[in-house]
Amino acid sequence: LLANARRIIVVADGTAASVASYLTLVLARTRGQADHIQGGLDSLGRLIDTQPDDTIIAITFPPYASTVLRAARWAKQQTASLIALTDSPVSPVGQIADIGLPIRVSGIGPHNTMVAAMATANALLNQLYLRHQNHAIERYATITTLMDQWDLGVLKSDND
């Protein structure tokens, strides 16, 4: 689903937003056509452009962000594919997903731990990279060159 998607939309709020931010950053660098949508009004303009050949990755864990469920329902109405990264196939988003990836998020403290979710996101990214390695390398080299030209990092690449 990810390899053939026109656009990938990653939807997450709360603690899961950190995983979505990383996932979207790497998707944008290596593949392009990736958006991270959170619950604010500014996200709705990007969400309404959802098409059937898009894939939505919804990331949500207890207590389950209502914004993520709403976005997932919207995507399904547009007949887009839905991948859920959630703790259970019977979670609100897990029930409507085309593919559910159950992730354990319980930790020692009162908050969810995102370690397993980040590892799952990284596994998805690595597999997608392997499928489109040449394109990803070209795209990443161009972005790295721009980063160097715009002086965005302390360390420079060896692309010269």
C-alpha atoms as a PDB file:
ATOM      1  CA  LEU A   1       0.000   0.000   0.000  1.00  0.00           C
ATOM      2  CA  LEU A   2       2.787   2.430   0.851  1.00  0.00           C
ATOM      3  CA  ALA A   3       4.868   1.638  -2.218  1.00  0.00           C
ATOM      4  CA  ASN A   4       1.995   2.309  -4.620  1.00  0.00           C
ATOM      5  CA  ALA A   5       0.324   5.233  -2.864  1.00  0.00           C
ATOM      6  CA  ARG A   6      -0.014   8.555  -4.661  1.00  0.00           C
ATOM      7  CA  ARG A   7       0.292  10.319  -1.320  1.00  0.00           C
ATOM      8  CA  ILE A   8       0.843   9.086   2.226  1.00  0.00           C
ATOM      9  CA  ILE A   9      -0.943  10.925   4.997  1.00  0.00           C
ATOM     10  CA  VAL A  10       0.198  10.232   8.543  1.00  0.00           C
ATOM     11  CA  VAL A  11      -2.407  11.120  11.154  1.00  0.00           C
ATOM     12  CA  ALA A  12      -1.564  11.300  14.851  1.00  0.00           C
ATOM     13  CA  ASP A  13      -2.078  13.465  17.912  1.00  0.00           C
ATOM     14  CA  GLY A  14      -0.774  13.484  21.459  1.00  0.00           C
ATOM     15  CA  THR A  15       2.253  11.333  22.236  1.00  0.00           C
ATOM     16  CA  ALA A  16       1.870   9.501  18.917  1.00  0.00           C
ATOM     17  CA  ALA A  17       2.553  12.778  17.068  1.00  0.00           C
ATOM     18  CA  SER A  18       6.282  12.296  17.710  1.00  0.00           C
ATOM     19  CA  VAL A  19       6.237   9.015  15.787  1.00  0.00           C
ATOM     20  CA  ALA A  20       4.176  10.608  13.008  1.00  0.00           C
ATOM     21  CA  SER A  21       6.565  13.531  12.762  1.00  0.00           C
ATOM     22  CA  TYR A  22       9.566  11.232  12.292  1.00  0.00           C
ATOM     23  CA  LEU A  23       7.717   8.965   9.876  1.00  0.00           C
ATOM     24  CA  THR A  24       6.560  11.902   7.746  1.00  0.00           C
ATOM     25  CA  LEU A  25       9.994  13.551   7.762  1.00  0.00           C
ATOM     26  CA  VAL A  26      11.706  10.444   6.393  1.00  0.00           C
ATOM     27  CA  LEU A  27       8.892   9.759   3.908  1.00  0.00           C
ATOM     28  CA  ALA A  28       9.148  13.309   2.577  1.00  0.00           C
ATOM     29  CA  ARG A  29      12.927  13.043   2.233  1.00  0.00           C
ATOM     30  CA  THR A  30      13.053   9.653   0.552  1.00  0.00           C
ATOM     31  CA  ARG A  31       9.736   9.384  -1.278  1.00  0.00           C
ATOM     32  CA  GLY A  32       7.896  12.713  -1.330  1.00  0.00           C
ATOM     33  CA  GLN A  33       4.135  13.266  -1.250  1.00  0.00           C
ATOM     34  CA  ALA A  34       3.873  12.789   2.525  1.00  0.00           C
ATOM     35  CA  ASP A  35       1.843  14.841   4.995  1.00  0.00           C
ATOM     36  CA  HIS A  36       1.516  14.769   8.781  1.00  0.00           C
ATOM     37  CA  ILE A  37      -1.942  15.796   9.880  1.00  0.00           C
ATOM     38  CA  GLN A  38      -2.887  16.636  13.431  1.00  0.00           C
ATOM     39  CA  GLY A  39      -6.231  17.746  14.790  1.00  0.00           C
ATOM     40  CA  GLY A  40      -6.085  21.471  14.027  1.00  0.00           C
ATOM     41  CA  LEU A  41      -8.070  23.409  11.469  1.00  0.00           C
ATOM     42  CA  ASP A  42      -4.988  23.851   9.275  1.00  0.00           C
ATOM     43  CA  SER A  43      -4.933  20.097   8.708  1.00  0.00           C
ATOM     44  CA  LEU A  44      -8.399  19.912   7.221  1.00  0.00           C
ATOM     45  CA  GLY A  45      -7.338  21.563   3.968  1.00  0.00           C
ATOM     46  CA  ARG A  46      -4.797  18.803   3.378  1.00  0.00           C
ATOM     47  CA  LEU A  47      -7.155  16.069   4.496  1.00  0.00           C
ATOM     48  CA  ILE A  48      -9.995  16.991   2.120  1.00  0.00           C
ATOM     49  CA  ASP A  49      -7.731  16.254  -0.855  1.00  0.00           C
ATOM     50  CA  THR A  50      -7.646  12.560   0.083  1.00  0.00           C
ATOM     51  CA  GLN A  51      -8.120  10.324  -2.945  1.00  0.00           C
ATOM     52  CA  PRO A  52      -8.667   6.574  -3.408  1.00  0.00           C
ATOM     53  CA  ASP A  53      -5.027   6.003  -4.372  1.00  0.00           C
ATOM     54  CA  ASP A  54      -3.751   7.574  -1.138  1.00  0.00           C
ATOM     55  CA  THR A  55      -2.726   5.617   1.943  1.00  0.00           C
ATOM     56  CA  ILE A  56      -3.432   6.918   5.426  1.00  0.00           C
ATOM     57  CA  ILE A  57      -1.339   5.780   8.385  1.00  0.00           C
ATOM     58  CA  ALA A  58      -3.325   6.411  11.549  1.00  0.00           C
ATOM     59  CA  ILE A  59      -1.305   6.241  14.765  1.00  0.00           C
ATOM     60  CA  THR A  60      -3.297   6.235  17.983  1.00  0.00           C
ATOM     61  CA  PHE A  61      -3.084   4.651  21.399  1.00  0.00           C
ATOM     62  CA  PRO A  62      -5.167   4.840  24.589  1.00  0.00           C
ATOM     63  CA  PRO A  63      -7.039   7.036  25.289  1.00  0.00           C
ATOM     64  CA  TYR A  64      -7.293   7.237  21.435  1.00  0.00           C
ATOM     65  CA  ALA A  65      -7.338  10.695  19.905  1.00  0.00           C
ATOM     66  CA  SER A  66     -10.782  11.489  18.496  1.00  0.00           C
ATOM     67  CA  THR A  67      -9.120  13.594  15.784  1.00  0.00           C
ATOM     68  CA  VAL A  68      -7.292  10.530  14.467  1.00  0.00           C
ATOM     69  CA  LEU A  69     -10.503   8.493  14.391  1.00  0.00           C
ATOM     70  CA  ARG A  70     -12.315  11.281  12.520  1.00  0.00           C
ATOM     71  CA  ALA A  71      -9.499  11.536   9.954  1.00  0.00           C
ATOM     72  CA  ALA A  72      -9.439   7.750   9.521  1.00  0.00           C
ATOM     73  CA  ARG A  73     -13.201   7.672   8.964  1.00  0.00           C
ATOM     74  CA  TRP A  74     -12.905  10.474   6.408  1.00  0.00           C
ATOM     75  CA  ALA A  75     -10.159   8.586   4.568  1.00  0.00           C
ATOM     76  CA  LYS A  76     -12.297   5.444   4.445  1.00  0.00           C
ATOM     77  CA  GLN A  77     -15.215   7.486   3.040  1.00  0.00           C
ATOM     78  CA  GLN A  78     -12.853   8.616   0.272  1.00  0.00           C
ATOM     79  CA  THR A  79     -11.945   4.932  -0.268  1.00  0.00           C
ATOM     80  CA  ALA A  80      -8.291   5.533   0.609  1.00  0.00           C
ATOM     81  CA  SER A  81      -6.320   2.684   2.155  1.00  0.00           C
ATOM     82  CA  LEU A  82      -5.917   2.795   5.918  1.00  0.00           C
ATOM     83  CA  ILE A  83      -3.041   1.370   7.955  1.00  0.00           C
ATOM     84  CA  ALA A  84      -3.456   1.550  11.729  1.00  0.00           C
ATOM     85  CA  LEU A  85      -0.576   1.618  14.181  1.00  0.00           C
ATOM     86  CA  THR A  86      -2.481   1.033  17.392  1.00  0.00           C
ATOM     87  CA  ASP A  87      -2.458  -1.180  20.448  1.00  0.00           C
ATOM     88  CA  SER A  88      -5.244  -3.537  19.426  1.00  0.00           C
ATOM     89  CA  PRO A  89      -7.219  -4.648  16.372  1.00  0.00           C
ATOM     90  CA  VAL A  90     -10.358  -3.758  18.322  1.00  0.00           C
ATOM     91  CA  SER A  91      -9.254  -0.182  19.017  1.00  0.00           C
ATOM     92  CA  PRO A  92     -11.515   2.394  17.340  1.00  0.00           C
ATOM     93  CA  VAL A  93      -9.124   2.867  14.389  1.00  0.00           C
ATOM     94  CA  GLY A  94      -8.057  -0.777  14.342  1.00  0.00           C
ATOM     95  CA  GLN A  95     -11.640  -1.835  13.654  1.00  0.00           C
ATOM     96  CA  ILE A  96     -11.850   0.121  10.380  1.00  0.00           C
ATOM     97  CA  ALA A  97      -8.264  -0.320   9.123  1.00  0.00           C
ATOM     98  CA  ASP A  98      -7.344  -2.320   6.047  1.00  0.00           C
ATOM     99  CA  ILE A  99      -4.133  -3.328   7.814  1.00  0.00           C
ATOM    100  CA  GLY A 100      -3.580  -3.149  11.555  1.00  0.00           C
ATOM    101  CA  LEU A 101      -0.168  -3.276  13.165  1.00  0.00           C
ATOM    102  CA  PRO A 102      -0.666  -3.908  16.891  1.00  0.00           C
ATOM    103  CA  ILE A 103       1.917  -2.144  19.023  1.00  0.00           C
ATOM    104  CA  ARG A 104       2.423  -2.451  22.756  1.00  0.00           C
ATOM    105  CA  VAL A 105       2.718   0.981  24.341  1.00  0.00           C
ATOM    106  CA  SER A 106       2.310   0.328  28.042  1.00  0.00           C
ATOM    107  CA  GLY A 107       5.287   1.410  30.084  1.00  0.00           C
ATOM    108  CA  ILE A 108       6.361   1.655  33.681  1.00  0.00           C
ATOM    109  CA  GLY A 109       4.890   5.108  34.231  1.00  0.00           C
ATOM    110  CA  PRO A 110       1.444   6.577  33.608  1.00  0.00           C
ATOM    111  CA  HIS A 111       2.244   7.566  30.015  1.00  0.00           C
ATOM    112  CA  ASN A 112       2.491   5.483  26.837  1.00  0.00           C
ATOM    113  CA  THR A 113       5.955   4.577  25.615  1.00  0.00           C
ATOM    114  CA  MET A 114       6.590   5.169  21.913  1.00  0.00           C
ATOM    115  CA  VAL A 115       9.652   2.899  21.614  1.00  0.00           C
ATOM    116  CA  ALA A 116       7.840   0.019  19.872  1.00  0.00           C
ATOM    117  CA  ALA A 117       5.845   2.447  17.714  1.00  0.00           C
ATOM    118  CA  MET A 118       9.057   4.149  16.574  1.00  0.00           C
ATOM    119  CA  ALA A 119      10.636   0.759  15.802  1.00  0.00           C
ATOM    120  CA  THR A 120       7.577  -0.204  13.740  1.00  0.00           C
ATOM    121  CA  ALA A 121       7.704   3.102  11.854  1.00  0.00           C
ATOM    122  CA  ASN A 122      11.393   2.523  11.173  1.00  0.00           C
ATOM    123  CA  ALA A 123      10.713  -0.999   9.873  1.00  0.00           C
ATOM    124  CA  LEU A 124       8.075   0.373   7.474  1.00  0.00           C
ATOM    125  CA  LEU A 125      10.474   3.058   6.280  1.00  0.00           C
ATOM    126  CA  ASN A 126      13.297   0.566   5.724  1.00  0.00           C
ATOM    127  CA  GLN A 127      11.096  -1.756   3.677  1.00  0.00           C
ATOM    128  CA  LEU A 128       9.794   1.135   1.584  1.00  0.00           C
ATOM    129  CA  TYR A 129      13.353   2.355   1.054  1.00  0.00           C
ATOM    130  CA  LEU A 130      14.413  -1.080  -0.212  1.00  0.00           C
ATOM    131  CA  ARG A 131      11.579  -1.055  -2.750  1.00  0.00           C
ATOM    132  CA  HIS A 132      12.474   2.396  -4.104  1.00  0.00           C
ATOM    133  CA  GLN A 133      16.166   2.617  -3.276  1.00  0.00           C
ATOM    134  CA  ASN A 134      17.359   4.431  -6.422  1.00  0.00           C
ATOM    135  CA  HIS A 135      14.661   7.091  -6.215  1.00  0.00           C
ATOM    136  CA  ALA A 136      15.238   7.515  -2.491  1.00  0.00           C
ATOM    137  CA  ILE A 137      18.994   7.948  -2.914  1.00  0.00           C
ATOM    138  CA  GLU A 138      18.542  10.593  -5.624  1.00  0.00           C
ATOM    139  CA  ARG A 139      15.921  12.456  -3.643  1.00  0.00           C
ATOM    140  CA  TYR A 140      17.904  12.372  -0.410  1.00  0.00           C
ATOM    141  CA  ALA A 141      21.055  13.599  -2.198  1.00  0.00           C
ATOM    142  CA  THR A 142      19.135  16.589  -3.569  1.00  0.00           C
ATOM    143  CA  ILE A 143      17.735  17.413  -0.137  1.00  0.00           C
ATOM    144  CA  THR A 144      21.186  17.072   1.431  1.00  0.00           C
ATOM    145  CA  THR A 145      22.621  19.451  -1.172  1.00  0.00           C
ATOM    146  CA  LEU A 146      19.889  21.996  -0.382  1.00  0.00           C
ATOM    147  CA  MET A 147      20.569  21.620   3.331  1.00  0.00           C
ATOM    148  CA  ASP A 148      24.243  22.374   2.669  1.00  0.00           C
ATOM    149  CA  GLN A 149      23.467  25.342   0.418  1.00  0.00           C
ATOM    150  CA  TRP A 150      21.040  26.802   2.940  1.00  0.00           C
ATOM    151  CA  ASP A 151      23.507  26.168   5.789  1.00  0.00           C
ATOM    152  CA  LEU A 152      20.944  24.185   7.792  1.00  0.00           C
ATOM    153  CA  GLY A 153      23.361  21.865   9.543  1.00  0.00           C
ATOM    154  CA  VAL A 154      26.629  22.200  11.394  1.00  0.00           C
ATOM    155  CA  LEU A 155      28.063  19.180   9.575  1.00  0.00           C
ATOM    156  CA  LYS A 156      28.144  19.234   5.783  1.00  0.00           C
ATOM    157  CA  SER A 157      27.582  16.291   3.444  1.00  0.00           C
ATOM    158  CA  ASP A 158      30.188  14.733   1.202  1.00  0.00           C
ATOM    159  CA  ASN A 159      28.082  15.274  -1.951  1.00  0.00           C
ATOM    160  CA  ASP A 160      30.556  17.750  -3.476  1.00  0.00           C
END
